[in-house]
Amino acid sequence: MNISIEVSYYPLQEQYLVPIQAFIDRLNTYDSLVIKTNGMSTQVFGEYDDVFGAISTEIKKSFEVPHSVFVLKVINADLQEIPGQ
């Protein structure tokens, strides 16, 4: 099953851009996923197990930064495949 996850990451610190970019860079190393970013969130597309495995691993690494907040929207479809999305 292909899914889509929209991730918003909020490191609660003054230098917030560095951990956000590191999170995005790490996600981009997964060849089985399609990653798209914009000013508000990162979208991750792929097979359910691949997406959740990557997201879980990378959120855990990001939690090394104190007081990190993640907001996820999970859709049980690949929104890249739906016309008009």
N, C-alpha and C. Protein backbone atom coordinates (compact mmCIF):
# COMPACT_ATOMS: atom_id res chain seq x y z
N MET A 1 0.84 -1.18 0.00
CA MET A 1 0.00 0.00 0.00
C MET A 1 0.89 1.24 0.00
N ASN A 2 0.63 2.13 -0.91
CA ASN A 2 1.35 3.40 -0.95
C ASN A 2 0.63 4.42 -0.08
N ILE A 3 1.42 5.24 0.61
CA ILE A 3 0.87 6.26 1.48
C ILE A 3 1.59 7.59 1.25
N SER A 4 1.02 8.62 1.84
CA SER A 4 1.62 9.96 1.84
C SER A 4 1.61 10.45 3.28
N ILE A 5 2.71 11.05 3.69
CA ILE A 5 2.77 11.68 5.01
C ILE A 5 3.27 13.10 4.84
N GLU A 6 2.55 14.03 5.45
CA GLU A 6 2.99 15.42 5.50
C GLU A 6 3.57 15.65 6.89
N VAL A 7 4.81 16.11 6.94
CA VAL A 7 5.53 16.28 8.20
C VAL A 7 5.86 17.75 8.39
N SER A 8 5.53 18.27 9.56
CA SER A 8 5.99 19.60 9.97
C SER A 8 6.84 19.41 11.22
N TYR A 9 8.02 19.98 11.21
CA TYR A 9 9.00 19.80 12.29
C TYR A 9 9.28 21.16 12.90
N TYR A 10 9.16 21.23 14.23
CA TYR A 10 9.36 22.48 14.96
C TYR A 10 10.38 22.27 16.08
N PRO A 11 11.68 22.46 15.79
CA PRO A 11 12.66 22.43 16.88
C PRO A 11 12.51 23.72 17.68
N LEU A 12 12.24 23.61 18.95
CA LEU A 12 11.97 24.79 19.77
C LEU A 12 13.28 25.36 20.31
N GLN A 13 14.02 25.98 19.39
CA GLN A 13 15.30 26.60 19.72
C GLN A 13 15.55 27.73 18.74
N GLU A 14 16.47 28.61 19.06
CA GLU A 14 16.75 29.77 18.20
C GLU A 14 17.28 29.35 16.84
N GLN A 15 18.17 28.38 16.80
CA GLN A 15 18.77 27.92 15.55
C GLN A 15 17.95 26.76 14.97
N TYR A 16 16.72 27.04 14.62
CA TYR A 16 15.80 25.98 14.20
C TYR A 16 16.03 25.47 12.78
N LEU A 17 16.62 26.27 11.90
CA LEU A 17 16.78 25.86 10.51
C LEU A 17 17.75 24.69 10.34
N VAL A 18 18.80 24.65 11.13
CA VAL A 18 19.81 23.59 10.99
C VAL A 18 19.22 22.21 11.24
N PRO A 19 18.49 21.97 12.34
CA PRO A 19 17.93 20.63 12.52
C PRO A 19 16.83 20.29 11.51
N ILE A 20 16.09 21.28 11.04
CA ILE A 20 15.08 21.00 10.01
C ILE A 20 15.75 20.55 8.73
N GLN A 21 16.78 21.26 8.31
CA GLN A 21 17.48 20.89 7.07
C GLN A 21 18.15 19.53 7.22
N ALA A 22 18.69 19.24 8.39
CA ALA A 22 19.32 17.93 8.62
C ALA A 22 18.28 16.81 8.50
N PHE A 23 17.09 17.02 9.05
CA PHE A 23 16.00 16.04 8.94
C PHE A 23 15.64 15.80 7.48
N ILE A 24 15.46 16.85 6.72
CA ILE A 24 15.12 16.74 5.30
C ILE A 24 16.24 16.05 4.53
N ASP A 25 17.47 16.42 4.80
CA ASP A 25 18.61 15.80 4.12
C ASP A 25 18.67 14.30 4.39
N ARG A 26 18.41 13.90 5.63
CA ARG A 26 18.42 12.47 5.96
C ARG A 26 17.29 11.74 5.23
N LEU A 27 16.10 12.34 5.17
CA LEU A 27 15.01 11.70 4.44
C LEU A 27 15.35 11.51 2.97
N ASN A 28 16.07 12.46 2.40
CA ASN A 28 16.44 12.37 0.99
C ASN A 28 17.44 11.26 0.68
N THR A 29 17.99 10.61 1.69
CA THR A 29 18.92 9.50 1.44
C THR A 29 18.19 8.18 1.19
N TYR A 30 16.88 8.13 1.41
CA TYR A 30 16.10 6.91 1.22
C TYR A 30 15.66 6.83 -0.24
N ASP A 31 16.28 5.93 -1.00
CA ASP A 31 16.00 5.81 -2.43
C ASP A 31 14.57 5.36 -2.73
N SER A 32 13.94 4.65 -1.80
CA SER A 32 12.60 4.11 -2.05
C SER A 32 11.50 5.14 -1.83
N LEU A 33 11.86 6.33 -1.35
CA LEU A 33 10.87 7.36 -1.05
C LEU A 33 10.97 8.54 -2.00
N VAL A 34 9.86 9.22 -2.19
CA VAL A 34 9.85 10.51 -2.90
C VAL A 34 9.61 11.57 -1.84
N ILE A 35 10.49 12.57 -1.80
CA ILE A 35 10.42 13.63 -0.81
C ILE A 35 10.19 14.96 -1.53
N LYS A 36 9.20 15.71 -1.07
CA LYS A 36 8.94 17.05 -1.60
C LYS A 36 8.84 18.00 -0.42
N THR A 37 9.47 19.15 -0.54
CA THR A 37 9.44 20.13 0.55
C THR A 37 8.86 21.46 0.07
N ASN A 38 8.30 22.18 1.02
CA ASN A 38 7.86 23.55 0.76
C ASN A 38 8.10 24.34 2.04
N GLY A 39 7.65 25.54 2.11
CA GLY A 39 7.91 26.41 3.25
C GLY A 39 7.23 25.99 4.54
N MET A 40 6.25 25.11 4.46
CA MET A 40 5.48 24.74 5.65
C MET A 40 5.67 23.29 6.09
N SER A 41 6.05 22.41 5.15
CA SER A 41 6.12 20.99 5.50
C SER A 41 6.96 20.22 4.50
N THR A 42 7.13 18.96 4.81
CA THR A 42 7.79 18.01 3.92
C THR A 42 6.81 16.88 3.65
N GLN A 43 6.63 16.53 2.39
CA GLN A 43 5.78 15.41 2.03
C GLN A 43 6.64 14.20 1.70
N VAL A 44 6.24 13.05 2.22
CA VAL A 44 6.96 11.81 2.01
C VAL A 44 5.99 10.82 1.37
N PHE A 45 6.39 10.25 0.23
CA PHE A 45 5.54 9.33 -0.53
C PHE A 45 6.26 8.01 -0.70
N GLY A 46 5.52 6.91 -0.58
CA GLY A 46 6.11 5.61 -0.83
C GLY A 46 5.31 4.49 -0.20
N GLU A 47 5.91 3.30 -0.19
CA GLU A 47 5.31 2.11 0.40
C GLU A 47 5.21 2.30 1.92
N TYR A 48 4.09 1.87 2.50
CA TYR A 48 3.79 2.06 3.92
C TYR A 48 4.98 1.74 4.82
N ASP A 49 5.52 0.54 4.72
CA ASP A 49 6.61 0.13 5.62
C ASP A 49 7.87 0.96 5.41
N ASP A 50 8.16 1.31 4.16
CA ASP A 50 9.33 2.14 3.88
C ASP A 50 9.17 3.54 4.47
N VAL A 51 8.00 4.13 4.28
CA VAL A 51 7.76 5.49 4.76
C VAL A 51 7.81 5.54 6.29
N PHE A 52 7.06 4.64 6.94
CA PHE A 52 7.04 4.67 8.40
C PHE A 52 8.39 4.28 9.00
N GLY A 53 9.13 3.38 8.34
CA GLY A 53 10.46 3.04 8.83
C GLY A 53 11.39 4.24 8.80
N ALA A 54 11.38 4.96 7.68
CA ALA A 54 12.23 6.15 7.55
C ALA A 54 11.81 7.25 8.50
N ILE A 55 10.52 7.53 8.56
CA ILE A 55 10.01 8.59 9.44
C ILE A 55 10.35 8.28 10.89
N SER A 56 10.14 7.05 11.31
CA SER A 56 10.43 6.65 12.69
C SER A 56 11.90 6.82 13.02
N THR A 57 12.76 6.34 12.13
CA THR A 57 14.21 6.45 12.34
C THR A 57 14.64 7.90 12.43
N GLU A 58 14.17 8.73 11.53
CA GLU A 58 14.64 10.12 11.46
C GLU A 58 14.02 11.00 12.54
N ILE A 59 12.80 10.72 12.96
CA ILE A 59 12.25 11.46 14.09
C ILE A 59 13.04 11.12 15.35
N LYS A 60 13.37 9.86 15.53
CA LYS A 60 14.15 9.46 16.70
C LYS A 60 15.49 10.20 16.74
N LYS A 61 16.17 10.31 15.58
CA LYS A 61 17.43 11.05 15.53
C LYS A 61 17.19 12.53 15.85
N SER A 62 16.09 13.08 15.35
CA SER A 62 15.80 14.49 15.58
C SER A 62 15.47 14.78 17.03
N PHE A 63 14.96 13.79 17.75
CA PHE A 63 14.64 13.98 19.16
C PHE A 63 15.89 14.13 20.03
N GLU A 64 17.06 14.00 19.43
CA GLU A 64 18.29 14.32 20.15
C GLU A 64 18.37 15.82 20.43
N VAL A 65 17.65 16.61 19.63
CA VAL A 65 17.54 18.05 19.86
C VAL A 65 16.42 18.23 20.90
N PRO A 66 16.72 18.82 22.04
CA PRO A 66 15.69 18.97 23.07
C PRO A 66 14.47 19.75 22.57
N HIS A 67 13.32 19.34 23.03
CA HIS A 67 12.07 20.04 22.78
C HIS A 67 11.74 20.16 21.29
N SER A 68 11.79 19.03 20.62
CA SER A 68 11.40 18.99 19.21
C SER A 68 9.95 18.55 19.10
N VAL A 69 9.21 19.18 18.20
CA VAL A 69 7.81 18.86 17.98
C VAL A 69 7.62 18.45 16.52
N PHE A 70 6.90 17.36 16.30
CA PHE A 70 6.53 16.92 14.95
C PHE A 70 5.02 16.86 14.85
N VAL A 71 4.50 17.29 13.71
CA VAL A 71 3.09 17.16 13.39
C VAL A 71 3.02 16.37 12.09
N LEU A 72 2.25 15.25 12.10
CA LEU A 72 2.15 14.39 10.93
C LEU A 72 0.70 14.30 10.47
N LYS A 73 0.52 14.30 9.15
CA LYS A 73 -0.76 13.95 8.53
C LYS A 73 -0.47 12.72 7.67
N VAL A 74 -1.23 11.66 7.89
CA VAL A 74 -1.01 10.41 7.17
C VAL A 74 -2.23 10.12 6.31
N ILE A 75 -1.97 9.87 5.03
CA ILE A 75 -3.04 9.60 4.07
C ILE A 75 -2.79 8.22 3.47
N ASN A 76 -3.82 7.39 3.41
CA ASN A 76 -3.63 6.03 2.88
C ASN A 76 -3.76 5.98 1.36
N ALA A 77 -3.09 6.90 0.71
CA ALA A 77 -3.00 6.96 -0.75
C ALA A 77 -1.76 7.75 -1.11
N ASP A 78 -1.23 7.48 -2.28
CA ASP A 78 -0.12 8.27 -2.79
C ASP A 78 -0.71 9.48 -3.49
N LEU A 79 -0.68 10.64 -2.87
CA LEU A 79 -1.30 11.83 -3.42
C LEU A 79 -0.66 12.27 -4.72
N GLN A 80 0.52 11.78 -5.03
CA GLN A 80 1.14 12.10 -6.31
C GLN A 80 0.36 11.46 -7.46
N GLU A 81 -0.35 10.37 -7.18
CA GLU A 81 -1.06 9.61 -8.20
C GLU A 81 -2.49 10.09 -8.42
N ILE A 82 -2.97 11.02 -7.57
CA ILE A 82 -4.35 11.49 -7.67
C ILE A 82 -4.36 12.79 -8.47
N PRO A 83 -5.08 12.83 -9.61
CA PRO A 83 -5.13 14.05 -10.42
C PRO A 83 -5.63 15.25 -9.60
N GLY A 84 -5.02 16.38 -9.82
CA GLY A 84 -5.44 17.60 -9.16
C GLY A 84 -4.82 17.83 -7.79
N GLN A 85 -3.97 16.93 -7.34
CA GLN A 85 -3.35 17.07 -6.02
C GLN A 85 -1.94 17.61 -6.17
